C-alpha cells in the first residue's frame, strides 16, 4: 500500500487516482479508516467486501485497475509492478 500511495503522490495533478477495494467487508470500516489515517494513505478505499469484488470482477488481491477520467479501463494489473503501472499510465498520457 505505501508504494501505491507514493505513486499517487508522484503523479498528483496528472489526472490519475487510485481507489483500493477492501475485500473484508463494511464491518471493518473503522479499522480501515484508522489504518488509512495512521499510514497517511492518499488513495480512497471502496468498502463492501466480496460483493464489490464480484461486481468489478476482481480476480484476487492485489489487483490494480487503471481507469481513465471517462471511465474507460486502461489496464488491469495483477500484483504490484510499478514499472508496468507507470508504462500503462504513460501510454494513456499520464507521466
PDB file of N, CA and C in Angstrom:
ATOM      1  N   UNK A   1       0.803  -1.198   0.000  1.00  0.00           N
ATOM      2  CA  UNK A   1       0.000   0.000   0.000  1.00  0.00           C
ATOM      3  C   UNK A   1       0.850   1.268   0.000  1.00  0.00           C
ATOM      4  N   UNK A   2       1.954   1.297   0.731  1.00  0.00           N
ATOM      5  CA  UNK A   2       2.760   2.526   0.714  1.00  0.00           C
ATOM      6  C   UNK A   2       3.255   2.874  -0.690  1.00  0.00           C
ATOM      7  N   UNK A   3       3.562   1.848  -1.502  1.00  0.00           N
ATOM      8  CA  UNK A   3       4.042   2.094  -2.857  1.00  0.00           C
ATOM      9  C   UNK A   3       2.958   2.725  -3.731  1.00  0.00           C
ATOM     10  N   UNK A   4       1.699   2.328  -3.529  1.00  0.00           N
ATOM     11  CA  UNK A   4       0.612   2.931  -4.298  1.00  0.00           C
ATOM     12  C   UNK A   4       0.369   4.371  -3.857  1.00  0.00           C
ATOM     13  N   UNK A   5       0.459   4.607  -2.552  1.00  0.00           N
ATOM     14  CA  UNK A   5       0.286   5.960  -2.040  1.00  0.00           C
ATOM     15  C   UNK A   5       1.381   6.880  -2.584  1.00  0.00           C
ATOM     16  N   UNK A   6       2.624   6.375  -2.650  1.00  0.00           N
ATOM     17  CA  UNK A   6       3.737   7.157  -3.194  1.00  0.00           C
ATOM     18  C   UNK A   6       3.521   7.438  -4.679  1.00  0.00           C
ATOM     19  N   UNK A   7       3.063   6.435  -5.411  1.00  0.00           N
ATOM     20  CA  UNK A   7       2.788   6.613  -6.838  1.00  0.00           C
ATOM     21  C   UNK A   7       1.736   7.698  -7.039  1.00  0.00           C
ATOM     22  N   UNK A   8       0.699   7.680  -6.227  1.00  0.00           N
ATOM     23  CA  UNK A   8      -0.347   8.687  -6.313  1.00  0.00           C
ATOM     24  C   UNK A   8       0.224  10.079  -6.026  1.00  0.00           C
ATOM     25  N   UNK A   9       1.073  10.181  -5.012  1.00  0.00           N
ATOM     26  CA  UNK A   9       1.710  11.454  -4.679  1.00  0.00           C
ATOM     27  C   UNK A   9       2.593  11.931  -5.831  1.00  0.00           C
ATOM     28  N   UNK A  10       3.368  11.016  -6.405  1.00  0.00           N
ATOM     29  CA  UNK A  10       4.263  11.353  -7.518  1.00  0.00           C
ATOM     30  C   UNK A  10       3.500  11.891  -8.722  1.00  0.00           C
ATOM     31  N   UNK A  11       2.294  11.390  -8.936  1.00  0.00           N
ATOM     32  CA  UNK A  11       1.532  11.754 -10.133  1.00  0.00           C
ATOM     33  C   UNK A  11       0.364  12.695  -9.830  1.00  0.00           C
ATOM     34  N   UNK A  12       0.392  13.313  -8.658  1.00  0.00           N
ATOM     35  CA  UNK A  12      -0.685  14.228  -8.261  1.00  0.00           C
ATOM     36  C   UNK A  12      -0.857  15.332  -9.309  1.00  0.00           C
ATOM     37  N   UNK A  13      -2.100  15.621  -9.649  1.00  0.00           N
ATOM     38  CA  UNK A  13      -2.402  16.670 -10.618  1.00  0.00           C
ATOM     39  C   UNK A  13      -2.258  16.234 -12.066  1.00  0.00           C
ATOM     40  N   UNK A  14      -2.071  14.934 -12.303  1.00  0.00           N
ATOM     41  CA  UNK A  14      -1.887  14.427 -13.662  1.00  0.00           C
ATOM     42  C   UNK A  14      -3.127  13.700 -14.185  1.00  0.00           C
ATOM     43  N   UNK A  15      -4.252  13.856 -13.479  1.00  0.00           N
ATOM     44  CA  UNK A  15      -5.469  13.177 -13.918  1.00  0.00           C
ATOM     45  C   UNK A  15      -5.481  11.706 -13.572  1.00  0.00           C
ATOM     46  N   UNK A  16      -4.854  11.371 -12.466  1.00  0.00           N
ATOM     47  CA  UNK A  16      -4.698   9.990 -12.055  1.00  0.00           C
ATOM     48  C   UNK A  16      -5.191   9.842 -10.623  1.00  0.00           C
ATOM     49  N   UNK A  17      -5.857   8.740 -10.325  1.00  0.00           N
ATOM     50  CA  UNK A  17      -6.334   8.491  -8.970  1.00  0.00           C
ATOM     51  C   UNK A  17      -6.257   6.996  -8.695  1.00  0.00           C
ATOM     52  N   UNK A  18      -6.252   6.647  -7.430  1.00  0.00           N
ATOM     53  CA  UNK A  18      -6.220   5.248  -7.011  1.00  0.00           C
ATOM     54  C   UNK A  18      -7.372   5.027  -6.044  1.00  0.00           C
ATOM     55  N   UNK A  19      -8.092   3.932  -6.267  1.00  0.00           N
ATOM     56  CA  UNK A  19      -9.129   3.517  -5.323  1.00  0.00           C
ATOM     57  C   UNK A  19      -8.817   2.078  -4.938  1.00  0.00           C
ATOM     58  N   UNK A  20      -8.600   1.847  -3.664  1.00  0.00           N
ATOM     59  CA  UNK A  20      -8.357   0.494  -3.166  1.00  0.00           C
ATOM     60  C   UNK A  20      -9.696  -0.147  -2.843  1.00  0.00           C
ATOM     61  N   UNK A  21      -9.781  -1.454  -3.020  1.00  0.00           N
ATOM     62  CA  UNK A  21     -11.002  -2.184  -2.687  1.00  0.00           C
ATOM     63  C   UNK A  21     -10.692  -3.117  -1.530  1.00  0.00           C
ATOM     64  N   UNK A  22     -11.414  -2.932  -0.432  1.00  0.00           N
ATOM     65  CA  UNK A  22     -11.240  -3.780   0.733  1.00  0.00           C
ATOM     66  C   UNK A  22     -12.173  -4.971   0.601  1.00  0.00           C
ATOM     67  N   UNK A  23     -11.620  -6.167   0.594  1.00  0.00           N
ATOM     68  CA  UNK A  23     -12.418  -7.377   0.419  1.00  0.00           C
ATOM     69  C   UNK A  23     -12.997  -7.918   1.717  1.00  0.00           C
ATOM     70  N   UNK A  24     -12.660  -7.290   2.841  1.00  0.00           N
ATOM     71  CA  UNK A  24     -13.109  -7.811   4.134  1.00  0.00           C
ATOM     72  C   UNK A  24     -14.513  -7.398   4.533  1.00  0.00           C
ATOM     73  N   UNK A  25     -15.088  -6.424   3.856  1.00  0.00           N
ATOM     74  CA  UNK A  25     -16.463  -6.053   4.163  1.00  0.00           C
ATOM     75  C   UNK A  25     -16.601  -4.751   4.923  1.00  0.00           C
ATOM     76  N   UNK A  26     -17.837  -4.240   4.916  1.00  0.00           N
ATOM     77  CA  UNK A  26     -18.131  -2.942   5.523  1.00  0.00           C
ATOM     78  C   UNK A  26     -17.950  -2.942   7.033  1.00  0.00           C
ATOM     79  N   UNK A  27     -18.027  -4.094   7.671  1.00  0.00           N
ATOM     80  CA  UNK A  27     -17.903  -4.128   9.125  1.00  0.00           C
ATOM     81  C   UNK A  27     -16.503  -3.733   9.587  1.00  0.00           C
ATOM     82  N   UNK A  28     -15.552  -3.657   8.675  1.00  0.00           N
ATOM     83  CA  UNK A  28     -14.195  -3.259   9.031  1.00  0.00           C
ATOM     84  C   UNK A  28     -13.917  -1.786   8.726  1.00  0.00           C
ATOM     85  N   UNK A  29     -14.964  -1.014   8.454  1.00  0.00           N
ATOM     86  CA  UNK A  29     -14.796   0.400   8.120  1.00  0.00           C
ATOM     87  C   UNK A  29     -13.972   1.157   9.161  1.00  0.00           C
ATOM     88  N   UNK A  30     -14.252   1.044  10.458  1.00  0.00           N
ATOM     89  CA  UNK A  30     -13.451   1.791  11.436  1.00  0.00           C
ATOM     90  C   UNK A  30     -11.976   1.392  11.415  1.00  0.00           C
ATOM     91  N   UNK A  31     -11.709   0.102  11.269  1.00  0.00           N
ATOM     92  CA  UNK A  31     -10.330  -0.379  11.229  1.00  0.00           C
ATOM     93  C   UNK A  31      -9.594   0.156  10.000  1.00  0.00           C
ATOM     94  N   UNK A  32     -10.256   0.119   8.853  1.00  0.00           N
ATOM     95  CA  UNK A  32      -9.653   0.613   7.613  1.00  0.00           C
ATOM     96  C   UNK A  32      -9.428   2.115   7.703  1.00  0.00           C
ATOM     97  N   UNK A  33     -10.404   2.849   8.212  1.00  0.00           N
ATOM     98  CA  UNK A  33     -10.259   4.308   8.353  1.00  0.00           C
ATOM     99  C   UNK A  33      -9.065   4.644   9.252  1.00  0.00           C
ATOM    100  N   UNK A  34      -8.913   3.901  10.329  1.00  0.00           N
ATOM    101  CA  UNK A  34      -7.794   4.118  11.251  1.00  0.00           C
ATOM    102  C   UNK A  34      -6.469   3.825  10.546  1.00  0.00           C
ATOM    103  N   UNK A  35      -6.391   2.721   9.837  1.00  0.00           N
ATOM    104  CA  UNK A  35      -5.172   2.356   9.101  1.00  0.00           C
ATOM    105  C   UNK A  35      -4.806   3.430   8.088  1.00  0.00           C
ATOM    106  N   UNK A  36      -5.788   3.886   7.318  1.00  0.00           N
ATOM    107  CA  UNK A  36      -5.547   4.920   6.291  1.00  0.00           C
ATOM    108  C   UNK A  36      -4.999   6.192   6.947  1.00  0.00           C
ATOM    109  N   UNK A  37      -5.624   6.577   8.065  1.00  0.00           N
ATOM    110  CA  UNK A  37      -5.203   7.782   8.783  1.00  0.00           C
ATOM    111  C   UNK A  37      -3.780   7.633   9.315  1.00  0.00           C
ATOM    112  N   UNK A  38      -3.508   6.526   9.989  1.00  0.00           N
ATOM    113  CA  UNK A  38      -2.193   6.303  10.597  1.00  0.00           C
ATOM    114  C   UNK A  38      -1.083   6.203   9.562  1.00  0.00           C
ATOM    115  N   UNK A  39      -1.372   5.585   8.428  1.00  0.00           N
ATOM    116  CA  UNK A  39      -0.361   5.387   7.394  1.00  0.00           C
ATOM    117  C   UNK A  39      -0.255   6.582   6.436  1.00  0.00           C
ATOM    118  N   UNK A  40      -1.238   7.481   6.489  1.00  0.00           N
ATOM    119  CA  UNK A  40      -1.220   8.653   5.618  1.00  0.00           C
ATOM    120  C   UNK A  40      -1.470   8.321   4.150  1.00  0.00           C
ATOM    121  N   UNK A  41      -2.238   7.262   3.894  1.00  0.00           N
ATOM    122  CA  UNK A  41      -2.533   6.875   2.512  1.00  0.00           C
ATOM    123  C   UNK A  41      -3.383   7.950   1.839  1.00  0.00           C
ATOM    124  N   UNK A  42      -3.019   8.309   0.622  1.00  0.00           N
ATOM    125  CA  UNK A  42      -3.738   9.339  -0.112  1.00  0.00           C
ATOM    126  C   UNK A  42      -4.887   8.810  -0.954  1.00  0.00           C
ATOM    127  N   UNK A  43      -4.899   7.508  -1.225  1.00  0.00           N
ATOM    128  CA  UNK A  43      -5.943   6.959  -2.085  1.00  0.00           C
ATOM    129  C   UNK A  43      -7.218   6.668  -1.297  1.00  0.00           C
ATOM    130  N   UNK A  44      -8.293   6.596  -2.041  1.00  0.00           N
ATOM    131  CA  UNK A  44      -9.583   6.261  -1.432  1.00  0.00           C
ATOM    132  C   UNK A  44      -9.693   4.747  -1.301  1.00  0.00           C
ATOM    133  N   UNK A  45     -10.638   4.309  -0.489  1.00  0.00           N
ATOM    134  CA  UNK A  45     -10.852   2.874  -0.299  1.00  0.00           C
ATOM    135  C   UNK A  45     -12.341   2.568  -0.442  1.00  0.00           C
ATOM    136  N   UNK A  46     -12.658   1.654  -1.339  1.00  0.00           N
ATOM    137  CA  UNK A  46     -14.039   1.196  -1.507  1.00  0.00           C
ATOM    138  C   UNK A  46     -14.251   0.004  -0.578  1.00  0.00           C
ATOM    139  N   UNK A  47     -15.290   0.097   0.225  1.00  0.00           N
ATOM    140  CA  UNK A  47     -15.613  -0.981   1.149  1.00  0.00           C
ATOM    141  C   UNK A  47     -16.803  -1.754   0.602  1.00  0.00           C
ATOM    142  N   UNK A  48     -16.942  -2.964   1.017  1.00  0.00           N
ATOM    143  CA  UNK A  48     -18.091  -3.731   0.565  1.00  0.00           C
ATOM    144  C   UNK A  48     -17.782  -5.202   0.390  1.00  0.00           C
ATOM    145  N   UNK A  49     -16.528  -5.556   0.543  1.00  0.00           N
ATOM    146  CA  UNK A  49     -16.146  -6.957   0.520  1.00  0.00           C
ATOM    147  C   UNK A  49     -16.390  -7.656  -0.795  1.00  0.00           C
ATOM    148  N   UNK A  50     -16.746  -8.913  -0.689  1.00  0.00           N
ATOM    149  CA  UNK A  50     -16.900  -9.778  -1.858  1.00  0.00           C
ATOM    150  C   UNK A  50     -17.912  -9.239  -2.868  1.00  0.00           C
ATOM    151  N   UNK A  51     -19.070  -8.672  -2.462  1.00  0.00           N
ATOM    152  CA  UNK A  51     -19.991  -8.147  -3.479  1.00  0.00           C
ATOM    153  C   UNK A  51     -19.346  -7.088  -4.377  1.00  0.00           C
ATOM    154  N   UNK A  52     -18.527  -6.222  -3.803  1.00  0.00           N
ATOM    155  CA  UNK A  52     -17.832  -5.205  -4.606  1.00  0.00           C
ATOM    156  C   UNK A  52     -16.833  -5.886  -5.529  1.00  0.00           C
ATOM    157  N   UNK A  53     -16.095  -6.849  -5.002  1.00  0.00           N
ATOM    158  CA  UNK A  53     -15.104  -7.575  -5.803  1.00  0.00           C
ATOM    159  C   UNK A  53     -15.781  -8.305  -6.958  1.00  0.00           C
ATOM    160  N   UNK A  54     -16.929  -8.909  -6.703  1.00  0.00           N
ATOM    161  CA  UNK A  54     -17.649  -9.614  -7.766  1.00  0.00           C
ATOM    162  C   UNK A  54     -18.169  -8.636  -8.815  1.00  0.00           C
ATOM    163  N   UNK A  55     -18.697  -7.502  -8.364  1.00  0.00           N
ATOM    164  CA  UNK A  55     -19.234  -6.504  -9.288  1.00  0.00           C
ATOM    165  C   UNK A  55     -18.163  -6.027 -10.265  1.00  0.00           C
ATOM    166  N   UNK A  56     -16.946  -5.814  -9.752  1.00  0.00           N
ATOM    167  CA  UNK A  56     -15.872  -5.305 -10.597  1.00  0.00           C
ATOM    168  C   UNK A  56     -14.940  -6.398 -11.100  1.00  0.00           C
ATOM    169  N   UNK A  57     -15.339  -7.654 -10.899  1.00  0.00           N
ATOM    170  CA  UNK A  57     -14.599  -8.818 -11.386  1.00  0.00           C
ATOM    171  C   UNK A  57     -13.142  -8.813 -10.937  1.00  0.00           C
ATOM    172  N   UNK A  58     -12.940  -8.537  -9.653  1.00  0.00           N
ATOM    173  CA  UNK A  58     -11.596  -8.539  -9.085  1.00  0.00           C
ATOM    174  C   UNK A  58     -11.133  -9.990  -8.995  1.00  0.00           C
ATOM    175  N   UNK A  59     -10.054 -10.348  -9.697  1.00  0.00           N
ATOM    176  CA  UNK A  59      -9.608 -11.740  -9.707  1.00  0.00           C
ATOM    177  C   UNK A  59      -8.995 -12.189  -8.389  1.00  0.00           C
ATOM    178  N   UNK A  60      -8.531 -11.281  -7.582  1.00  0.00           N
ATOM    179  CA  UNK A  60      -7.923 -11.592  -6.297  1.00  0.00           C
ATOM    180  C   UNK A  60      -6.900 -10.535  -5.963  1.00  0.00           C
ATOM    181  N   UNK A  61      -6.696 -10.305  -4.709  1.00  0.00           N
ATOM    182  CA  UNK A  61      -5.773  -9.240  -4.314  1.00  0.00           C
ATOM    183  C   UNK A  61      -4.323  -9.679  -4.483  1.00  0.00           C
ATOM    184  N   UNK A  62      -3.428  -8.764  -4.725  1.00  0.00           N
ATOM    185  CA  UNK A  62      -3.716  -7.379  -5.107  1.00  0.00           C
ATOM    186  C   UNK A  62      -3.893  -7.270  -6.615  1.00  0.00           C
ATOM    187  N   UNK A  63      -4.835  -6.449  -7.019  1.00  0.00           N
ATOM    188  CA  UNK A  63      -5.058  -6.171  -8.430  1.00  0.00           C
ATOM    189  C   UNK A  63      -5.224  -4.669  -8.575  1.00  0.00           C
ATOM    190  N   UNK A  64      -4.707  -4.120  -9.651  1.00  0.00           N
ATOM    191  CA  UNK A  64      -4.778  -2.681  -9.905  1.00  0.00           C
ATOM    192  C   UNK A  64      -5.511  -2.433 -11.207  1.00  0.00           C
ATOM    193  N   UNK A  65      -6.572  -1.636 -11.126  1.00  0.00           N
ATOM    194  CA  UNK A  65      -7.313  -1.223 -12.307  1.00  0.00           C
ATOM    195  C   UNK A  65      -6.923   0.215 -12.596  1.00  0.00           C
ATOM    196  N   UNK A  66      -6.504   0.489 -13.804  1.00  0.00           N
ATOM    197  CA  UNK A  66      -6.194   1.853 -14.205  1.00  0.00           C
ATOM    198  C   UNK A  66      -7.366   2.335 -15.033  1.00  0.00           C
ATOM    199  N   UNK A  67      -8.061   3.346 -14.524  1.00  0.00           N
ATOM    200  CA  UNK A  67      -9.298   3.819 -15.124  1.00  0.00           C
ATOM    201  C   UNK A  67      -9.150   5.281 -15.524  1.00  0.00           C
ATOM    202  N   UNK A  68      -9.499   5.600 -16.764  1.00  0.00           N
ATOM    203  CA  UNK A  68      -9.438   6.973 -17.262  1.00  0.00           C
ATOM    204  C   UNK A  68     -10.586   7.786 -16.679  1.00  0.00           C
ATOM    205  N   UNK A  69     -10.461   9.098 -16.792  1.00  0.00           N
ATOM    206  CA  UNK A  69     -11.497  10.002 -16.275  1.00  0.00           C
ATOM    207  C   UNK A  69     -12.858   9.718 -16.899  1.00  0.00           C
ATOM    208  N   UNK A  70     -12.874   9.201 -18.138  1.00  0.00           N
ATOM    209  CA  UNK A  70     -14.137   8.902 -18.808  1.00  0.00           C
ATOM    210  C   UNK A  70     -14.690   7.528 -18.434  1.00  0.00           C
ATOM    211  N   UNK A  71     -13.984   6.817 -17.518  1.00  0.00           N
ATOM    212  CA  UNK A  71     -14.447   5.514 -17.059  1.00  0.00           C
ATOM    213  C   UNK A  71     -13.878   4.339 -17.824  1.00  0.00           C
ATOM    214  N   UNK A  72     -13.134   4.591 -18.882  1.00  0.00           N
ATOM    215  CA  UNK A  72     -12.543   3.509 -19.668  1.00  0.00           C
ATOM    216  C   UNK A  72     -11.421   2.850 -18.869  1.00  0.00           C
ATOM    217  N   UNK A  73     -11.423   1.516 -18.832  1.00  0.00           N
ATOM    218  CA  UNK A  73     -10.361   0.786 -18.152  1.00  0.00           C
ATOM    219  C   UNK A  73      -9.147   0.751 -19.072  1.00  0.00           C
ATOM    220  N   UNK A  74      -8.051   1.330 -18.586  1.00  0.00           N
ATOM    221  CA  UNK A  74      -6.814   1.407 -19.363  1.00  0.00           C
ATOM    222  C   UNK A  74      -5.956   0.164 -19.184  1.00  0.00           C
ATOM    223  N   UNK A  75      -6.078  -0.464 -18.040  1.00  0.00           N
ATOM    224  CA  UNK A  75      -5.279  -1.652 -17.781  1.00  0.00           C
ATOM    225  C   UNK A  75      -5.690  -2.310 -16.485  1.00  0.00           C
ATOM    226  N   UNK A  76      -5.447  -3.604 -16.406  1.00  0.00           N
ATOM    227  CA  UNK A  76      -5.688  -4.383 -15.194  1.00  0.00           C
ATOM    228  C   UNK A  76      -4.397  -5.136 -14.927  1.00  0.00           C
ATOM    229  N   UNK A  77      -3.810  -4.877 -13.773  1.00  0.00           N
ATOM    230  CA  UNK A  77      -2.523  -5.473 -13.439  1.00  0.00           C
ATOM    231  C   UNK A  77      -2.634  -6.266 -12.146  1.00  0.00           C
ATOM    232  N   UNK A  78      -2.347  -7.546 -12.211  1.00  0.00           N
ATOM    233  CA  UNK A  78      -2.376  -8.406 -11.027  1.00  0.00           C
ATOM    234  C   UNK A  78      -1.059  -8.229 -10.274  1.00  0.00           C
ATOM    235  N   UNK A  79      -1.139  -8.071  -8.965  1.00  0.00           N
ATOM    236  CA  UNK A  79       0.063  -7.858  -8.170  1.00  0.00           C
ATOM    237  C   UNK A  79       0.516  -6.416  -8.278  1.00  0.00           C
ATOM    238  N   UNK A  80       1.686  -6.133  -7.728  1.00  0.00           N
ATOM    239  CA  UNK A  80       2.204  -4.771  -7.835  1.00  0.00           C
ATOM    240  C   UNK A  80       3.472  -4.786  -8.661  1.00  0.00           C
ATOM    241  N   UNK A  81       3.416  -4.094  -9.780  1.00  0.00           N
ATOM    242  CA  UNK A  81       4.561  -3.938 -10.671  1.00  0.00           C
ATOM    243  C   UNK A  81       4.590  -2.471 -11.063  1.00  0.00           C
ATOM    244  N   UNK A  82       5.388  -1.675 -10.331  1.00  0.00           N
ATOM    245  CA  UNK A  82       5.393  -0.230 -10.555  1.00  0.00           C
ATOM    246  C   UNK A  82       5.782   0.124 -11.984  1.00  0.00           C
ATOM    247  N   UNK A  83       6.735  -0.602 -12.565  1.00  0.00           N
ATOM    248  CA  UNK A  83       7.148  -0.317 -13.945  1.00  0.00           C
ATOM    249  C   UNK A  83       5.973  -0.515 -14.902  1.00  0.00           C
ATOM    250  N   UNK A  84       5.208  -1.589 -14.720  1.00  0.00           N
ATOM    251  CA  UNK A  84       4.053  -1.854 -15.586  1.00  0.00           C
ATOM    252  C   UNK A  84       2.973  -0.803 -15.373  1.00  0.00           C
ATOM    253  N   UNK A  85       2.758  -0.400 -14.113  1.00  0.00           N
ATOM    254  CA  UNK A  85       1.776   0.650 -13.832  1.00  0.00           C
ATOM    255  C   UNK A  85       2.165   1.947 -14.533  1.00  0.00           C
ATOM    256  N   UNK A  86       3.419   2.347 -14.362  1.00  0.00           N
ATOM    257  CA  UNK A  86       3.882   3.594 -14.977  1.00  0.00           C
ATOM    258  C   UNK A  86       3.846   3.518 -16.498  1.00  0.00           C
ATOM    259  N   UNK A  87       4.173   2.369 -17.063  1.00  0.00           N
ATOM    260  CA  UNK A  87       4.132   2.191 -18.529  1.00  0.00           C
ATOM    261  C   UNK A  87       2.705   2.348 -19.037  1.00  0.00           C
ATOM    262  N   UNK A  88       1.762   1.699 -18.366  1.00  0.00           N
ATOM    263  CA  UNK A  88       0.351   1.783 -18.766  1.00  0.00           C
ATOM    264  C   UNK A  88      -0.142   3.216 -18.648  1.00  0.00           C
ATOM    265  N   UNK A  89       0.221   3.894 -17.567  1.00  0.00           N
ATOM    266  CA  UNK A  89      -0.167   5.296 -17.394  1.00  0.00           C
ATOM    267  C   UNK A  89       0.462   6.181 -18.466  1.00  0.00           C
ATOM    268  N   UNK A  90       1.715   5.935 -18.800  1.00  0.00           N
ATOM    269  CA  UNK A  90       2.392   6.727 -19.830  1.00  0.00           C
ATOM    270  C   UNK A  90       1.709   6.553 -21.175  1.00  0.00           C
ATOM    271  N   UNK A  91       1.293   5.329 -21.490  1.00  0.00           N
ATOM    272  CA  UNK A  91       0.576   5.078 -22.755  1.00  0.00           C
ATOM    273  C   UNK A  91      -0.745   5.836 -22.800  1.00  0.00           C
ATOM    274  N   UNK A  92      -1.295   6.109 -21.613  1.00  0.00           N
ATOM    275  CA  UNK A  92      -2.555   6.867 -21.523  1.00  0.00           C
ATOM    276  C   UNK A  92      -2.302   8.368 -21.419  1.00  0.00           C
ATOM    277  N   UNK A  93      -1.013   8.766 -21.432  1.00  0.00           N
ATOM    278  CA  UNK A  93      -0.686  10.168 -21.377  1.00  0.00           C
ATOM    279  C   UNK A  93      -0.481  10.728 -19.982  1.00  0.00           C
ATOM    280  N   UNK A  94      -0.374   9.844 -18.987  1.00  0.00           N
ATOM    281  CA  UNK A  94      -0.151  10.274 -17.607  1.00  0.00           C
ATOM    282  C   UNK A  94       1.308   9.974 -17.265  1.00  0.00           C
ATOM    283  N   UNK A  95       2.114  11.022 -17.119  1.00  0.00           N
ATOM    284  CA  UNK A  95       3.541  10.814 -16.804  1.00  0.00           C
ATOM    285  C   UNK A  95       3.972  11.763 -15.719  1.00  0.00           C
TER     286      UNK A  95
END
